[in-house]
């Protein structure tokens, strides 16, 4: 997994648990759930309009 960004959603494939990143100070890390790494959901990064 590359970098985590604020507002990014991760999901666990076996159990379906979702995690939203609220703040991040770690450049590269892996979150584990059910003995497997969580995957980033596609198209969930929030883009704010100016």
PDB file of N, CA and C in Angstrom:
ATOM      1  N   UNK A   1       0.845  -1.161   0.000  1.00  0.00           N
ATOM      2  CA  UNK A   1       0.000   0.000   0.000  1.00  0.00           C
ATOM      3  C   UNK A   1       0.896   1.230   0.000  1.00  0.00           C
ATOM      4  N   UNK A   2       0.548   2.211  -0.783  1.00  0.00           N
ATOM      5  CA  UNK A   2       1.375   3.409  -0.871  1.00  0.00           C
ATOM      6  C   UNK A   2       1.155   4.303   0.338  1.00  0.00           C
ATOM      7  N   UNK A   3       0.632   5.467   0.147  1.00  0.00           N
ATOM      8  CA  UNK A   3       0.417   6.389   1.253  1.00  0.00           C
ATOM      9  C   UNK A   3      -1.064   6.460   1.583  1.00  0.00           C
ATOM     10  N   UNK A   4      -1.352   6.720   2.834  1.00  0.00           N
ATOM     11  CA  UNK A   4      -2.730   6.905   3.268  1.00  0.00           C
ATOM     12  C   UNK A   4      -3.036   8.389   3.278  1.00  0.00           C
ATOM     13  N   UNK A   5      -4.252   8.739   2.860  1.00  0.00           N
ATOM     14  CA  UNK A   5      -4.658  10.133   2.815  1.00  0.00           C
ATOM     15  C   UNK A   5      -5.895  10.319   3.676  1.00  0.00           C
ATOM     16  N   UNK A   6      -6.054  11.505   4.217  1.00  0.00           N
ATOM     17  CA  UNK A   6      -7.217  11.816   5.034  1.00  0.00           C
ATOM     18  C   UNK A   6      -8.485  11.675   4.193  1.00  0.00           C
ATOM     19  N   UNK A   7      -9.469  10.951   4.715  1.00  0.00           N
ATOM     20  CA  UNK A   7     -10.723  10.728   4.007  1.00  0.00           C
ATOM     21  C   UNK A   7     -10.744   9.465   3.171  1.00  0.00           C
ATOM     22  N   UNK A   8      -9.613   8.785   3.042  1.00  0.00           N
ATOM     23  CA  UNK A   8      -9.543   7.550   2.258  1.00  0.00           C
ATOM     24  C   UNK A   8     -10.252   6.432   3.011  1.00  0.00           C
ATOM     25  N   UNK A   9     -10.924   5.545   2.276  1.00  0.00           N
ATOM     26  CA  UNK A   9     -11.633   4.425   2.882  1.00  0.00           C
ATOM     27  C   UNK A   9     -10.916   3.126   2.558  1.00  0.00           C
ATOM     28  N   UNK A  10     -10.745   2.294   3.585  1.00  0.00           N
ATOM     29  CA  UNK A  10     -10.162   0.969   3.428  1.00  0.00           C
ATOM     30  C   UNK A  10     -11.228  -0.051   3.784  1.00  0.00           C
ATOM     31  N   UNK A  11     -11.221  -1.193   3.113  1.00  0.00           N
ATOM     32  CA  UNK A  11     -12.204  -2.229   3.383  1.00  0.00           C
ATOM     33  C   UNK A  11     -11.522  -3.577   3.553  1.00  0.00           C
ATOM     34  N   UNK A  12     -12.125  -4.419   4.394  1.00  0.00           N
ATOM     35  CA  UNK A  12     -11.649  -5.780   4.610  1.00  0.00           C
ATOM     36  C   UNK A  12     -12.489  -6.693   3.728  1.00  0.00           C
ATOM     37  N   UNK A  13     -11.842  -7.473   2.886  1.00  0.00           N
ATOM     38  CA  UNK A  13     -12.566  -8.331   1.947  1.00  0.00           C
ATOM     39  C   UNK A  13     -13.330  -9.452   2.666  1.00  0.00           C
ATOM     40  N   UNK A  14     -12.735 -10.189   3.625  1.00  0.00           N
ATOM     41  CA  UNK A  14     -13.475 -11.285   4.260  1.00  0.00           C
ATOM     42  C   UNK A  14     -14.689 -10.846   5.080  1.00  0.00           C
ATOM     43  N   UNK A  15     -14.553  -9.796   5.918  1.00  0.00           N
ATOM     44  CA  UNK A  15     -15.663  -9.439   6.809  1.00  0.00           C
ATOM     45  C   UNK A  15     -16.446  -8.212   6.352  1.00  0.00           C
ATOM     46  N   UNK A  16     -15.910  -7.403   5.444  1.00  0.00           N
ATOM     47  CA  UNK A  16     -16.621  -6.237   4.934  1.00  0.00           C
ATOM     48  C   UNK A  16     -16.491  -4.989   5.794  1.00  0.00           C
ATOM     49  N   UNK A  17     -15.647  -5.013   6.812  1.00  0.00           N
ATOM     50  CA  UNK A  17     -15.465  -3.849   7.677  1.00  0.00           C
ATOM     51  C   UNK A  17     -14.808  -2.726   6.891  1.00  0.00           C
ATOM     52  N   UNK A  18     -15.310  -1.494   7.100  1.00  0.00           N
ATOM     53  CA  UNK A  18     -14.746  -0.326   6.436  1.00  0.00           C
ATOM     54  C   UNK A  18     -14.131   0.606   7.463  1.00  0.00           C
ATOM     55  N   UNK A  19     -13.003   1.208   7.110  1.00  0.00           N
ATOM     56  CA  UNK A  19     -12.297   2.146   7.972  1.00  0.00           C
ATOM     57  C   UNK A  19     -12.060   3.416   7.177  1.00  0.00           C
ATOM     58  N   UNK A  20     -12.342   4.571   7.791  1.00  0.00           N
ATOM     59  CA  UNK A  20     -12.074   5.862   7.169  1.00  0.00           C
ATOM     60  C   UNK A  20     -10.881   6.483   7.882  1.00  0.00           C
ATOM     61  N   UNK A  21      -9.896   6.922   7.121  1.00  0.00           N
ATOM     62  CA  UNK A  21      -8.696   7.533   7.680  1.00  0.00           C
ATOM     63  C   UNK A  21      -9.034   8.966   8.084  1.00  0.00           C
ATOM     64  N   UNK A  22      -8.870   9.280   9.382  1.00  0.00           N
ATOM     65  CA  UNK A  22      -9.204  10.622   9.860  1.00  0.00           C
ATOM     66  C   UNK A  22      -7.986  11.548   9.862  1.00  0.00           C
ATOM     67  N   UNK A  23      -6.835  11.045  10.265  1.00  0.00           N
ATOM     68  CA  UNK A  23      -5.599  11.822  10.186  1.00  0.00           C
ATOM     69  C   UNK A  23      -4.455  10.836  10.048  1.00  0.00           C
ATOM     70  N   UNK A  24      -3.406  11.260   9.380  1.00  0.00           N
ATOM     71  CA  UNK A  24      -2.337  10.319   9.084  1.00  0.00           C
ATOM     72  C   UNK A  24      -0.991  11.011   9.162  1.00  0.00           C
ATOM     73  N   UNK A  25      -0.047  10.358   9.845  1.00  0.00           N
ATOM     74  CA  UNK A  25       1.302  10.877   9.910  1.00  0.00           C
ATOM     75  C   UNK A  25       2.312   9.836   9.454  1.00  0.00           C
ATOM     76  N   UNK A  26       1.817   8.733   8.906  1.00  0.00           N
ATOM     77  CA  UNK A  26       2.670   7.630   8.479  1.00  0.00           C
ATOM     78  C   UNK A  26       2.664   7.580   6.958  1.00  0.00           C
ATOM     79  N   UNK A  27       3.829   7.512   6.352  1.00  0.00           N
ATOM     80  CA  UNK A  27       3.926   7.539   4.893  1.00  0.00           C
ATOM     81  C   UNK A  27       3.496   6.225   4.255  1.00  0.00           C
ATOM     82  N   UNK A  28       3.983   5.115   4.747  1.00  0.00           N
ATOM     83  CA  UNK A  28       3.643   3.839   4.138  1.00  0.00           C
ATOM     84  C   UNK A  28       3.379   2.799   5.199  1.00  0.00           C
ATOM     85  N   UNK A  29       2.169   2.323   5.296  1.00  0.00           N
ATOM     86  CA  UNK A  29       1.821   1.338   6.312  1.00  0.00           C
ATOM     87  C   UNK A  29       0.731   0.422   5.779  1.00  0.00           C
ATOM     88  N   UNK A  30       0.502  -0.682   6.460  1.00  0.00           N
ATOM     89  CA  UNK A  30      -0.535  -1.623   6.073  1.00  0.00           C
ATOM     90  C   UNK A  30      -1.426  -1.891   7.269  1.00  0.00           C
ATOM     91  N   UNK A  31      -2.725  -1.731   7.109  1.00  0.00           N
ATOM     92  CA  UNK A  31      -3.679  -2.071   8.154  1.00  0.00           C
ATOM     93  C   UNK A  31      -4.155  -3.490   7.921  1.00  0.00           C
ATOM     94  N   UNK A  32      -4.192  -4.280   8.995  1.00  0.00           N
ATOM     95  CA  UNK A  32      -4.572  -5.681   8.898  1.00  0.00           C
ATOM     96  C   UNK A  32      -5.916  -5.916   9.577  1.00  0.00           C
ATOM     97  N   UNK A  33      -6.736  -6.778   9.001  1.00  0.00           N
ATOM     98  CA  UNK A  33      -8.013  -7.192   9.576  1.00  0.00           C
ATOM     99  C   UNK A  33      -8.265  -8.621   9.109  1.00  0.00           C
ATOM    100  N   UNK A  34      -8.694  -9.487   9.997  1.00  0.00           N
ATOM    101  CA  UNK A  34      -8.977 -10.895   9.670  1.00  0.00           C
ATOM    102  C   UNK A  34      -7.747 -11.614   9.110  1.00  0.00           C
ATOM    103  N   UNK A  35      -6.552 -11.190   9.495  1.00  0.00           N
ATOM    104  CA  UNK A  35      -5.326 -11.839   9.045  1.00  0.00           C
ATOM    105  C   UNK A  35      -4.905 -11.489   7.635  1.00  0.00           C
ATOM    106  N   UNK A  36      -5.568 -10.513   7.005  1.00  0.00           N
ATOM    107  CA  UNK A  36      -5.227 -10.085   5.645  1.00  0.00           C
ATOM    108  C   UNK A  36      -5.153  -8.567   5.607  1.00  0.00           C
ATOM    109  N   UNK A  37      -4.328  -8.003   4.714  1.00  0.00           N
ATOM    110  CA  UNK A  37      -4.246  -6.539   4.625  1.00  0.00           C
ATOM    111  C   UNK A  37      -5.529  -5.948   4.046  1.00  0.00           C
ATOM    112  N   UNK A  38      -5.908  -4.781   4.569  1.00  0.00           N
ATOM    113  CA  UNK A  38      -7.108  -4.106   4.074  1.00  0.00           C
ATOM    114  C   UNK A  38      -6.787  -3.447   2.740  1.00  0.00           C
ATOM    115  N   UNK A  39      -7.798  -3.356   1.884  1.00  0.00           N
ATOM    116  CA  UNK A  39      -7.629  -2.767   0.548  1.00  0.00           C
ATOM    117  C   UNK A  39      -8.335  -1.424   0.467  1.00  0.00           C
ATOM    118  N   UNK A  40      -7.768  -0.530  -0.325  1.00  0.00           N
ATOM    119  CA  UNK A  40      -8.377   0.779  -0.535  1.00  0.00           C
ATOM    120  C   UNK A  40      -9.565   0.629  -1.476  1.00  0.00           C
ATOM    121  N   UNK A  41     -10.678   1.285  -1.110  1.00  0.00           N
ATOM    122  CA  UNK A  41     -11.828   1.303  -2.001  1.00  0.00           C
ATOM    123  C   UNK A  41     -11.525   2.263  -3.140  1.00  0.00           C
ATOM    124  N   UNK A  42     -11.975   1.940  -4.317  1.00  0.00           N
ATOM    125  CA  UNK A  42     -11.694   2.785  -5.481  1.00  0.00           C
ATOM    126  C   UNK A  42     -12.663   3.956  -5.550  1.00  0.00           C
ATOM    127  N   UNK A  43     -12.123   5.102  -5.933  1.00  0.00           N
ATOM    128  CA  UNK A  43     -12.948   6.285  -6.155  1.00  0.00           C
ATOM    129  C   UNK A  43     -13.531   6.885  -4.895  1.00  0.00           C
ATOM    130  N   UNK A  44     -12.863   6.717  -3.754  1.00  0.00           N
ATOM    131  CA  UNK A  44     -13.420   7.233  -2.517  1.00  0.00           C
ATOM    132  C   UNK A  44     -12.649   8.404  -1.943  1.00  0.00           C
ATOM    133  N   UNK A  45     -11.598   8.823  -2.604  1.00  0.00           N
ATOM    134  CA  UNK A  45     -10.877   9.986  -2.087  1.00  0.00           C
ATOM    135  C   UNK A  45     -11.718  11.224  -2.343  1.00  0.00           C
ATOM    136  N   UNK A  46     -11.884  12.036  -1.332  1.00  0.00           N
ATOM    137  CA  UNK A  46     -12.741  13.201  -1.455  1.00  0.00           C
ATOM    138  C   UNK A  46     -11.971  14.355  -2.074  1.00  0.00           C
ATOM    139  N   UNK A  47     -12.569  14.968  -3.070  1.00  0.00           N
ATOM    140  CA  UNK A  47     -11.988  16.139  -3.706  1.00  0.00           C
ATOM    141  C   UNK A  47     -12.885  17.325  -3.372  1.00  0.00           C
ATOM    142  N   UNK A  48     -12.292  18.344  -2.795  1.00  0.00           N
ATOM    143  CA  UNK A  48     -13.063  19.503  -2.384  1.00  0.00           C
ATOM    144  C   UNK A  48     -13.048  20.564  -3.471  1.00  0.00           C
ATOM    145  N   UNK A  49     -14.207  21.176  -3.665  1.00  0.00           N
ATOM    146  CA  UNK A  49     -14.317  22.256  -4.638  1.00  0.00           C
ATOM    147  C   UNK A  49     -13.903  23.560  -3.984  1.00  0.00           C
ATOM    148  N   UNK A  50     -13.273  24.413  -4.758  1.00  0.00           N
ATOM    149  CA  UNK A  50     -12.835  25.716  -4.236  1.00  0.00           C
ATOM    150  C   UNK A  50     -13.915  26.748  -4.414  1.00  0.00           C
TER     151      UNK A  50
END
